[in-house]
PDB file of N, CA and C in Angstrom:
ATOM      1  N   MET A   1     117.148 115.190  59.923  1.00  0.00           N
ATOM      2  CA  MET A   1     117.151 114.198  58.816  1.00  0.00           C
ATOM      3  C   MET A   1     118.466 113.329  59.069  1.00  0.00           C
ATOM      4  N   SER A   2     118.310 112.053  58.896  1.00  0.00           N
ATOM      5  CA  SER A   2     119.522 111.310  59.017  1.00  0.00           C
ATOM      6  C   SER A   2     120.222 111.182  57.610  1.00  0.00           C
ATOM      7  N   ALA A   3     121.315 110.616  57.536  1.00  0.00           N
ATOM      8  CA  ALA A   3     121.895 110.371  56.180  1.00  0.00           C
ATOM      9  C   ALA A   3     121.106 109.447  55.330  1.00  0.00           C
ATOM     10  N   HIS A   4     120.341 108.553  55.893  1.00  0.00           N
ATOM     11  CA  HIS A   4     119.414 107.635  55.144  1.00  0.00           C
ATOM     12  C   HIS A   4     118.317 108.348  54.500  1.00  0.00           C
ATOM     13  N   ASP A   5     117.891 109.601  54.999  1.00  0.00           N
ATOM     14  CA  ASP A   5     116.791 110.250  54.531  1.00  0.00           C
ATOM     15  C   ASP A   5     117.232 111.263  53.483  1.00  0.00           C
ATOM     16  N   ASP A   6     118.351 111.462  53.178  1.00  0.00           N
ATOM     17  CA  ASP A   6     118.929 112.548  52.400  1.00  0.00           C
ATOM     18  C   ASP A   6     118.468 112.257  50.893  1.00  0.00           C
ATOM     19  N   PRO A   7     117.592 113.111  50.372  1.00  0.00           N
ATOM     20  CA  PRO A   7     117.124 112.820  49.006  1.00  0.00           C
ATOM     21  C   PRO A   7     118.144 113.186  47.948  1.00  0.00           C
ATOM     22  N   ASN A   8     119.409 113.685  48.291  1.00  0.00           N
ATOM     23  CA  ASN A   8     120.447 114.039  47.338  1.00  0.00           C
ATOM     24  C   ASN A   8     121.492 112.956  47.455  1.00  0.00           C
ATOM     25  N   ASP A   9     121.407 111.981  48.197  1.00  0.00           N
ATOM     26  CA  ASP A   9     122.630 110.956  48.392  1.00  0.00           C
ATOM     27  C   ASP A   9     122.497 109.951  47.135  1.00  0.00           C
ATOM     28  N   GLY A  10     121.641 109.929  46.260  1.00  0.00           N
ATOM     29  CA  GLY A  10     121.711 109.118  45.157  1.00  0.00           C
ATOM     30  C   GLY A  10     120.908 107.860  45.307  1.00  0.00           C
ATOM     31  N   GLN A  11     120.922 107.328  46.535  1.00  0.00           N
ATOM     32  CA  GLN A  11     120.205 105.951  46.811  1.00  0.00           C
ATOM     33  C   GLN A  11     118.702 106.343  47.058  1.00  0.00           C
ATOM     34  N   PHE A  12     118.358 107.480  47.364  1.00  0.00           N
ATOM     35  CA  PHE A  12     116.875 107.726  47.597  1.00  0.00           C
ATOM     36  C   PHE A  12     116.080 107.569  46.307  1.00  0.00           C
ATOM     37  N   GLU A  13     116.706 107.711  45.209  1.00  0.00           N
ATOM     38  CA  GLU A  13     115.938 107.534  43.874  1.00  0.00           C
ATOM     39  C   GLU A  13     115.559 106.182  43.844  1.00  0.00           C
ATOM     40  N   MET A  14     116.253 105.175  44.314  1.00  0.00           N
ATOM     41  CA  MET A  14     115.888 103.736  44.234  1.00  0.00           C
ATOM     42  C   MET A  14     114.448 103.474  44.865  1.00  0.00           C
ATOM     43  N   PHE A  15     114.124 104.241  45.808  1.00  0.00           N
ATOM     44  CA  PHE A  15     112.882 104.093  46.545  1.00  0.00           C
ATOM     45  C   PHE A  15     111.818 105.028  46.372  1.00  0.00           C
ATOM     46  N   GLU A  16     111.988 106.118  45.755  1.00  0.00           N
ATOM     47  CA  GLU A  16     111.006 107.128  45.638  1.00  0.00           C
ATOM     48  C   GLU A  16     109.992 106.672  44.462  1.00  0.00           C
ATOM     49  N   ASN A  17     108.899 107.300  44.546  1.00  0.00           N
ATOM     50  CA  ASN A  17     107.861 107.034  43.552  1.00  0.00           C
ATOM     51  C   ASN A  17     108.208 107.736  42.261  1.00  0.00           C
ATOM     52  N   PRO A  18     108.356 107.046  41.221  1.00  0.00           N
ATOM     53  CA  PRO A  18     108.718 107.851  39.909  1.00  0.00           C
ATOM     54  C   PRO A  18     107.726 108.830  39.441  1.00  0.00           C
ATOM     55  N   ALA A  19     108.179 109.945  39.045  1.00  0.00           N
ATOM     56  CA  ALA A  19     107.292 111.030  38.708  1.00  0.00           C
ATOM     57  C   ALA A  19     106.234 110.654  37.734  1.00  0.00           C
ATOM     58  N   GLY A  20     106.511 109.599  36.852  1.00  0.00           N
ATOM     59  CA  GLY A  20     105.419 109.249  35.920  1.00  0.00           C
ATOM     60  C   GLY A  20     104.281 108.482  36.597  1.00  0.00           C
ATOM     61  N   ALA A  21     104.404 108.059  37.845  1.00  0.00           N
ATOM     62  CA  ALA A  21     103.351 107.466  38.656  1.00  0.00           C
ATOM     63  C   ALA A  21     102.670 108.432  39.582  1.00  0.00           C
ATOM     64  N   ALA A  22     103.223 109.606  39.689  1.00  0.00           N
ATOM     65  CA  ALA A  22     102.720 110.604  40.660  1.00  0.00           C
ATOM     66  C   ALA A  22     101.352 111.103  40.349  1.00  0.00           C
ATOM     67  N   ILE A  23     100.643 111.535  41.277  1.00  0.00           N
ATOM     68  CA  ILE A  23      99.137 112.157  41.108  1.00  0.00           C
ATOM     69  C   ILE A  23      99.386 113.593  40.643  1.00  0.00           C
ATOM     70  N   TRP A  24      98.638 114.109  39.723  1.00  0.00           N
ATOM     71  CA  TRP A  24      98.707 115.447  39.373  1.00  0.00           C
ATOM     72  C   TRP A  24      97.591 116.314  40.233  1.00  0.00           C
ATOM     73  N   PRO A  25      98.044 117.394  40.844  1.00  0.00           N
ATOM     74  CA  PRO A  25      97.122 118.163  41.577  1.00  0.00           C
ATOM     75  C   PRO A  25      96.041 118.752  40.716  1.00  0.00           C
ATOM     76  N   ASN A  26      95.012 119.116  41.285  1.00  0.00           N
ATOM     77  CA  ASN A  26      93.961 119.760  40.438  1.00  0.00           C
ATOM     78  C   ASN A  26      94.336 121.016  39.970  1.00  0.00           C
ATOM     79  N   PRO A  27      93.889 121.306  38.622  1.00  0.00           N
ATOM     80  CA  PRO A  27      94.154 122.616  37.971  1.00  0.00           C
ATOM     81  C   PRO A  27      93.606 123.763  38.868  1.00  0.00           C
ATOM     82  N   GLY A  28      94.265 124.915  38.802  1.00  0.00           N
ATOM     83  CA  GLY A  28      93.754 126.010  39.600  1.00  0.00           C
ATOM     84  C   GLY A  28      94.133 126.166  41.052  1.00  0.00           C
ATOM     85  N   THR A  29      94.855 125.100  41.522  1.00  0.00           N
ATOM     86  CA  THR A  29      95.350 125.099  42.877  1.00  0.00           C
ATOM     87  C   THR A  29      96.772 125.690  42.788  1.00  0.00           C
ATOM     88  N   ASN A  30      97.202 126.088  44.053  1.00  0.00           N
ATOM     89  CA  ASN A  30      98.669 126.555  44.112  1.00  0.00           C
ATOM     90  C   ASN A  30      99.600 125.395  43.948  1.00  0.00           C
ATOM     91  N   ALA A  31      99.280 124.244  44.430  1.00  0.00           N
ATOM     92  CA  ALA A  31     100.062 123.025  44.137  1.00  0.00           C
ATOM     93  C   ALA A  31     100.327 122.856  42.667  1.00  0.00           C
ATOM     94  N   ARG A  32      99.253 122.927  41.931  1.00  0.00           N
ATOM     95  CA  ARG A  32      99.353 122.759  40.507  1.00  0.00           C
ATOM     96  C   ARG A  32     100.178 123.896  39.833  1.00  0.00           C
ATOM     97  N   ALA A  33     100.017 125.053  40.350  1.00  0.00           N
ATOM     98  CA  ALA A  33     100.791 126.284  39.766  1.00  0.00           C
ATOM     99  C   ALA A  33     102.350 125.906  40.049  1.00  0.00           C
ATOM    100  N   LEU A  34     102.629 125.414  41.261  1.00  0.00           N
ATOM    101  CA  LEU A  34     104.014 125.094  41.522  1.00  0.00           C
ATOM    102  C   LEU A  34     104.494 124.035  40.654  1.00  0.00           C
ATOM    103  N   LEU A  35     103.708 123.055  40.517  1.00  0.00           N
ATOM    104  CA  LEU A  35     104.021 121.828  39.617  1.00  0.00           C
ATOM    105  C   LEU A  35     104.346 122.239  38.244  1.00  0.00           C
ATOM    106  N   ASP A  36     103.495 123.023  37.612  1.00  0.00           N
ATOM    107  CA  ASP A  36     103.605 123.621  36.175  1.00  0.00           C
ATOM    108  C   ASP A  36     104.878 124.265  36.118  1.00  0.00           C
ATOM    109  N   ARG A  37     105.344 125.132  37.039  1.00  0.00           N
ATOM    110  CA  ARG A  37     106.600 125.822  36.911  1.00  0.00           C
ATOM    111  C   ARG A  37     107.737 124.871  37.168  1.00  0.00           C
ATOM    112  N   LEU A  38     107.713 123.828  37.930  1.00  0.00           N
ATOM    113  CA  LEU A  38     108.759 122.889  38.174  1.00  0.00           C
ATOM    114  C   LEU A  38     108.849 122.075  36.895  1.00  0.00           C
ATOM    115  N   MET A  39     107.843 121.684  36.310  1.00  0.00           N
ATOM    116  CA  MET A  39     107.883 120.870  35.160  1.00  0.00           C
ATOM    117  C   MET A  39     108.399 121.691  33.943  1.00  0.00           C
ATOM    118  N   SER A  40     108.498 123.034  33.958  1.00  0.00           N
ATOM    119  CA  SER A  40     109.250 123.762  32.962  1.00  0.00           C
ATOM    120  C   SER A  40     110.749 123.754  33.165  1.00  0.00           C
ATOM    121  N   GLY A  41     111.247 123.210  34.325  1.00  0.00           N
ATOM    122  CA  GLY A  41     112.591 123.205  34.633  1.00  0.00           C
ATOM    123  C   GLY A  41     112.964 124.310  35.579  1.00  0.00           C
ATOM    124  N   GLU A  42     112.149 125.200  35.981  1.00  0.00           N
ATOM    125  CA  GLU A  42     112.333 126.263  36.830  1.00  0.00           C
ATOM    126  C   GLU A  42     112.778 125.755  38.120  1.00  0.00           C
ATOM    127  N   ARG A  43     113.667 126.507  38.840  1.00  0.00           N
ATOM    128  CA  ARG A  43     114.027 126.279  40.209  1.00  0.00           C
ATOM    129  C   ARG A  43     113.477 127.483  41.027  1.00  0.00           C
ATOM    130  N   ILE A  44     112.721 127.214  42.009  1.00  0.00           N
ATOM    131  CA  ILE A  44     111.901 128.241  42.619  1.00  0.00           C
ATOM    132  C   ILE A  44     112.072 128.437  43.965  1.00  0.00           C
ATOM    133  N   THR A  45     112.351 129.658  44.509  1.00  0.00           N
ATOM    134  CA  THR A  45     112.343 130.123  45.937  1.00  0.00           C
ATOM    135  C   THR A  45     111.120 130.810  46.281  1.00  0.00           C
ATOM    136  N   GLN A  46     111.004 130.960  47.496  1.00  0.00           N
ATOM    137  CA  GLN A  46     109.660 131.633  48.080  1.00  0.00           C
ATOM    138  C   GLN A  46     109.454 132.989  47.393  1.00  0.00           C
ATOM    139  N   PRO A  47     110.523 133.839  47.351  1.00  0.00           N
ATOM    140  CA  PRO A  47     110.331 135.214  46.722  1.00  0.00           C
ATOM    141  C   PRO A  47     109.884 135.041  45.262  1.00  0.00           C
ATOM    142  N   ASP A  48     110.140 133.990  44.659  1.00  0.00           N
ATOM    143  CA  ASP A  48     109.782 133.857  43.184  1.00  0.00           C
ATOM    144  C   ASP A  48     108.358 133.361  43.028  1.00  0.00           C
ATOM    145  N   PHE A  49     107.852 132.847  44.212  1.00  0.00           N
ATOM    146  CA  PHE A  49     106.434 132.185  44.024  1.00  0.00           C
ATOM    147  C   PHE A  49     105.404 133.294  44.627  1.00  0.00           C
ATOM    148  N   LYS A  50     104.932 134.038  43.803  1.00  0.00           N
ATOM    149  CA  LYS A  50     104.061 135.334  44.154  1.00  0.00           C
ATOM    150  C   LYS A  50     102.611 134.810  44.620  1.00  0.00           C
ATOM    151  N   GLN A  51     102.244 133.715  44.253  1.00  0.00           N
ATOM    152  CA  GLN A  51     100.838 133.175  44.403  1.00  0.00           C
ATOM    153  C   GLN A  51     100.502 133.021  45.942  1.00  0.00           C
ATOM    154  N   SER A  52     101.544 132.763  46.794  1.00  0.00           N
ATOM    155  CA  SER A  52     101.260 132.464  48.114  1.00  0.00           C
ATOM    156  C   SER A  52     102.565 132.515  48.915  1.00  0.00           C
ATOM    157  N   TRP A  53     102.634 132.639  50.266  1.00  0.00           N
ATOM    158  CA  TRP A  53     103.698 132.672  51.092  1.00  0.00           C
ATOM    159  C   TRP A  53     103.847 131.238  51.696  1.00  0.00           C
ATOM    160  N   ARG A  54     103.195 130.193  51.032  1.00  0.00           N
ATOM    161  CA  ARG A  54     103.289 128.920  51.529  1.00  0.00           C
ATOM    162  C   ARG A  54     103.948 127.830  50.566  1.00  0.00           C
ATOM    163  N   LEU A  55     105.018 128.309  49.933  1.00  0.00           N
ATOM    164  CA  LEU A  55     105.639 127.507  48.948  1.00  0.00           C
ATOM    165  C   LEU A  55     106.139 126.169  49.449  1.00  0.00           C
ATOM    166  N   ALA A  56     106.704 126.219  50.728  1.00  0.00           N
ATOM    167  CA  ALA A  56     107.203 124.934  51.327  1.00  0.00           C
ATOM    168  C   ALA A  56     105.980 123.858  51.559  1.00  0.00           C
ATOM    169  N   ALA A  57     104.826 124.430  51.928  1.00  0.00           N
ATOM    170  CA  ALA A  57     103.678 123.570  52.044  1.00  0.00           C
ATOM    171  C   ALA A  57     103.140 122.927  50.790  1.00  0.00           C
ATOM    172  N   TYR A  58     103.195 123.663  49.678  1.00  0.00           N
ATOM    173  CA  TYR A  58     102.883 123.191  48.392  1.00  0.00           C
ATOM    174  C   TYR A  58     103.923 122.277  47.929  1.00  0.00           C
ATOM    175  N   ALA A  59     105.129 122.452  48.114  1.00  0.00           N
ATOM    176  CA  ALA A  59     106.188 121.413  47.820  1.00  0.00           C
ATOM    177  C   ALA A  59     105.960 120.166  48.635  1.00  0.00           C
ATOM    178  N   GLY A  60     105.602 120.322  49.834  1.00  0.00           N
ATOM    179  CA  GLY A  60     105.222 119.093  50.598  1.00  0.00           C
ATOM    180  C   GLY A  60     104.018 118.399  50.168  1.00  0.00           C
ATOM    181  N   ASP A  61     103.008 119.099  49.697  1.00  0.00           N
ATOM    182  CA  ASP A  61     101.800 118.554  49.030  1.00  0.00           C
ATOM    183  C   ASP A  61     102.151 117.689  47.877  1.00  0.00           C
ATOM    184  N   LEU A  62     103.048 118.264  46.980  1.00  0.00           N
ATOM    185  CA  LEU A  62     103.414 117.497  45.852  1.00  0.00           C
ATOM    186  C   LEU A  62     104.168 116.254  46.235  1.00  0.00           C
ATOM    187  N   ARG A  63     105.039 116.306  47.302  1.00  0.00           N
ATOM    188  CA  ARG A  63     105.741 115.136  47.706  1.00  0.00           C
ATOM    189  C   ARG A  63     104.772 114.079  48.068  1.00  0.00           C
ATOM    190  N   GLU A  64     103.719 114.439  48.889  1.00  0.00           N
ATOM    191  CA  GLU A  64     102.689 113.500  49.370  1.00  0.00           C
ATOM    192  C   GLU A  64     101.938 112.928  48.035  1.00  0.00           C
ATOM    193  N   LEU A  65     101.965 113.621  47.090  1.00  0.00           N
ATOM    194  CA  LEU A  65     101.253 113.051  45.698  1.00  0.00           C
ATOM    195  C   LEU A  65     102.165 112.179  44.970  1.00  0.00           C
ATOM    196  N   GLY A  66     103.417 112.049  45.510  1.00  0.00           N
ATOM    197  CA  GLY A  66     104.372 111.136  44.787  1.00  0.00           C
ATOM    198  C   GLY A  66     105.422 111.884  43.909  1.00  0.00           C
ATOM    199  N   TRP A  67     105.509 113.271  43.948  1.00  0.00           N
ATOM    200  CA  TRP A  67     106.445 114.009  43.118  1.00  0.00           C
ATOM    201  C   TRP A  67     107.668 114.087  43.750  1.00  0.00           C
ATOM    202  N   PRO A  68     108.766 113.753  43.067  1.00  0.00           N
ATOM    203  CA  PRO A  68     110.163 113.778  43.783  1.00  0.00           C
ATOM    204  C   PRO A  68     110.735 115.190  43.833  1.00  0.00           C
ATOM    205  N   VAL A  69     110.088 116.205  44.495  1.00  0.00           N
ATOM    206  CA  VAL A  69     110.480 117.464  44.583  1.00  0.00           C
ATOM    207  C   VAL A  69     111.721 117.603  45.482  1.00  0.00           C
ATOM    208  N   GLN A  70     112.830 118.089  44.969  1.00  0.00           N
ATOM    209  CA  GLN A  70     113.978 118.280  45.702  1.00  0.00           C
ATOM    210  C   GLN A  70     114.153 119.713  46.115  1.00  0.00           C
ATOM    211  N   SER A  71     114.967 119.934  47.099  1.00  0.00           N
ATOM    212  CA  SER A  71     115.338 121.361  47.535  1.00  0.00           C
ATOM    213  C   SER A  71     116.799 121.461  47.931  1.00  0.00           C
ATOM    214  N   GLU A  72     117.232 122.726  47.661  1.00  0.00           N
ATOM    215  CA  GLU A  72     118.629 123.020  48.078  1.00  0.00           C
ATOM    216  C   GLU A  72     118.690 124.300  48.788  1.00  0.00           C
ATOM    217  N   PRO A  73     119.677 124.468  49.697  1.00  0.00           N
ATOM    218  CA  PRO A  73     119.684 125.728  50.346  1.00  0.00           C
ATOM    219  C   PRO A  73     120.431 126.798  49.454  1.00  0.00           C
ATOM    220  N   VAL A  74     119.862 128.020  49.332  1.00  0.00           N
ATOM    221  CA  VAL A  74     120.545 129.047  48.695  1.00  0.00           C
ATOM    222  C   VAL A  74     120.700 130.357  49.419  1.00  0.00           C
ATOM    223  N   SER A  75     121.669 131.143  49.264  1.00  0.00           N
ATOM    224  CA  SER A  75     121.625 132.556  49.910  1.00  0.00           C
ATOM    225  C   SER A  75     120.690 133.457  49.281  1.00  0.00           C
ATOM    226  N   TYR A  76     120.150 134.366  50.048  1.00  0.00           N
ATOM    227  CA  TYR A  76     119.184 135.294  49.536  1.00  0.00           C
ATOM    228  C   TYR A  76     119.565 136.581  50.141  1.00  0.00           C
ATOM    229  N   PRO A  77     119.648 137.719  49.391  1.00  0.00           N
ATOM    230  CA  PRO A  77     119.890 139.049  49.939  1.00  0.00           C
ATOM    231  C   PRO A  77     118.951 139.380  51.227  1.00  0.00           C
ATOM    232  N   HIS A  78     119.621 139.884  52.238  1.00  0.00           N
ATOM    233  CA  HIS A  78     118.870 140.326  53.388  1.00  0.00           C
ATOM    234  C   HIS A  78     118.310 139.118  54.264  1.00  0.00           C
ATOM    235  N   ALA A  79     118.609 138.031  53.935  1.00  0.00           N
ATOM    236  CA  ALA A  79     118.128 136.901  54.809  1.00  0.00           C
ATOM    237  C   ALA A  79     119.203 136.430  55.649  1.00  0.00           C
ATOM    238  N   ASN A  80     118.812 136.150  56.917  1.00  0.00           N
ATOM    239  CA  ASN A  80     119.884 135.775  57.944  1.00  0.00           C
ATOM    240  C   ASN A  80     120.434 134.439  57.754  1.00  0.00           C
ATOM    241  N   ARG A  81     119.711 133.569  56.921  1.00  0.00           N
ATOM    242  CA  ARG A  81     120.096 132.145  56.807  1.00  0.00           C
ATOM    243  C   ARG A  81     119.627 131.785  55.379  1.00  0.00           C
ATOM    244  N   PRO A  82     120.075 130.686  54.887  1.00  0.00           N
ATOM    245  CA  PRO A  82     119.779 130.171  53.471  1.00  0.00           C
ATOM    246  C   PRO A  82     118.293 129.883  53.501  1.00  0.00           C
ATOM    247  N   ILE A  83     117.628 130.084  52.302  1.00  0.00           N
ATOM    248  CA  ILE A  83     116.353 129.740  51.994  1.00  0.00           C
ATOM    249  C   ILE A  83     116.339 128.563  51.066  1.00  0.00           C
ATOM    250  N   ALA A  84     115.234 127.799  50.965  1.00  0.00           N
ATOM    251  CA  ALA A  84     115.165 126.601  50.106  1.00  0.00           C
ATOM    252  C   ALA A  84     114.774 127.156  48.740  1.00  0.00           C
ATOM    253  N   ARG A  85     115.376 126.268  47.705  1.00  0.00           N
ATOM    254  CA  ARG A  85     115.012 126.437  46.325  1.00  0.00           C
ATOM    255  C   ARG A  85     114.627 125.138  45.977  1.00  0.00           C
ATOM    256  N   TYR A  86     113.291 125.014  45.307  1.00  0.00           N
ATOM    257  CA  TYR A  86     112.675 123.805  44.944  1.00  0.00           C
ATOM    258  C   TYR A  86     112.881 123.514  43.504  1.00  0.00           C
ATOM    259  N   PHE A  87     113.017 122.142  43.087  1.00  0.00           N
ATOM    260  CA  PHE A  87     113.153 121.809  41.716  1.00  0.00           C
ATOM    261  C   PHE A  87     112.798 120.421  41.620  1.00  0.00           C
ATOM    262  N   LEU A  88     112.551 119.911  40.256  1.00  0.00           N
ATOM    263  CA  LEU A  88     112.447 118.553  39.855  1.00  0.00           C
ATOM    264  C   LEU A  88     113.666 118.293  39.041  1.00  0.00           C
ATOM    265  N   SER A  89     114.277 117.076  39.125  1.00  0.00           N
ATOM    266  CA  SER A  89     115.405 116.725  38.338  1.00  0.00           C
ATOM    267  C   SER A  89     114.938 116.543  36.874  1.00  0.00           C
ATOM    268  N   ALA A  90     115.712 116.610  35.894  1.00  0.00           N
ATOM    269  CA  ALA A  90     115.514 116.426  34.453  1.00  0.00           C
ATOM    270  C   ALA A  90     114.963 114.906  34.364  1.00  0.00           C
ATOM    271  N   LYS A  91     115.468 114.066  34.969  1.00  0.00           N
ATOM    272  CA  LYS A  91     114.939 112.766  34.927  1.00  0.00           C
ATOM    273  C   LYS A  91     113.396 112.604  35.445  1.00  0.00           C
ATOM    274  N   ALA A  92     113.058 113.306  36.417  1.00  0.00           N
ATOM    275  CA  ALA A  92     111.703 113.375  36.898  1.00  0.00           C
ATOM    276  C   ALA A  92     110.760 113.983  35.963  1.00  0.00           C
ATOM    277  N   ILE A  93     111.234 115.051  35.458  1.00  0.00           N
ATOM    278  CA  ILE A  93     110.468 115.743  34.370  1.00  0.00           C
ATOM    279  C   ILE A  93     110.216 114.908  33.124  1.00  0.00           C
ATOM    280  N   ALA A  94     111.170 114.226  32.696  1.00  0.00           N
ATOM    281  CA  ALA A  94     111.115 113.380  31.577  1.00  0.00           C
ATOM    282  C   ALA A  94     110.122 112.202  31.927  1.00  0.00           C
ATOM    283  N   ALA A  95     110.279 111.683  33.112  1.00  0.00           N
ATOM    284  CA  ALA A  95     109.311 110.505  33.469  1.00  0.00           C
ATOM    285  C   ALA A  95     107.893 110.990  33.614  1.00  0.00           C
ATOM    286  N   ALA A  96     107.650 112.177  34.063  1.00  0.00           N
ATOM    287  CA  ALA A  96     106.428 112.657  34.111  1.00  0.00           C
ATOM    288  C   ALA A  96     105.700 112.942  32.674  1.00  0.00           C
ATOM    289  N   ARG A  97     106.594 113.564  31.895  1.00  0.00           N
ATOM    290  CA  ARG A  97     106.086 113.759  30.539  1.00  0.00           C
ATOM    291  C   ARG A  97     105.749 112.373  29.786  1.00  0.00           C
ATOM    292  N   SER A  98     106.632 111.444  29.924  1.00  0.00           N
ATOM    293  CA  SER A  98     106.298 110.120  29.334  1.00  0.00           C
ATOM    294  C   SER A  98     105.071 109.592  29.852  1.00  0.00           C
ATOM    295  N   GLY A  99     104.775 109.724  31.126  1.00  0.00           N
ATOM    296  CA  GLY A  99     103.683 109.167  31.850  1.00  0.00           C
ATOM    297  C   GLY A  99     102.371 109.951  31.328  1.00  0.00           C
ATOM    298  N   GLN A 100     102.574 111.083  30.828  1.00  0.00           N
ATOM    299  CA  GLN A 100     101.380 111.860  30.285  1.00  0.00           C
ATOM    300  C   GLN A 100     101.384 111.932  28.791  1.00  0.00           C
ATOM    301  N   GLY A 101     102.012 111.055  28.274  1.00  0.00           N
ATOM    302  CA  GLY A 101     102.112 111.055  26.715  1.00  0.00           C
ATOM    303  C   GLY A 101     102.678 112.213  26.106  1.00  0.00           C
ATOM    304  N   GLY A 102     103.739 112.769  26.825  1.00  0.00           N
ATOM    305  CA  GLY A 102     104.439 113.824  26.376  1.00  0.00           C
ATOM    306  C   GLY A 102     103.944 115.300  26.827  1.00  0.00           C
ATOM    307  N   ALA A 103     102.706 115.371  27.495  1.00  0.00           N
ATOM    308  CA  ALA A 103     102.181 116.507  27.910  1.00  0.00           C
ATOM    309  C   ALA A 103     102.800 117.054  29.123  1.00  0.00           C
ATOM    310  N   ALA A 104     103.159 118.413  29.306  1.00  0.00           N
ATOM    311  CA  ALA A 104     103.567 118.829  30.611  1.00  0.00           C
ATOM    312  C   ALA A 104     102.361 119.259  31.446  1.00  0.00           C
TER     313      ALA A 104
END
């Protein structure tokens, strides 16, 4: 990833699809289960996501639907390298809620 692709550099927000315009995944899917948790403000790692061992894939699915899912590396016990923790910014959550008439 180049510096121009870094979603944490501040400029990325100017070009991303606002969460209020994102497409909601179908209810009952793992992508929707992840989104529901992210919309509550939760920051989620793979060990926290008991539904499936494909958390990164569902985060990618949400990104393809226009959700500005962010990730950050975190240390995890017994892991040889950092793992990803996924989240939505408070701004993205507020935008999504306003786009849904306040519903999460």
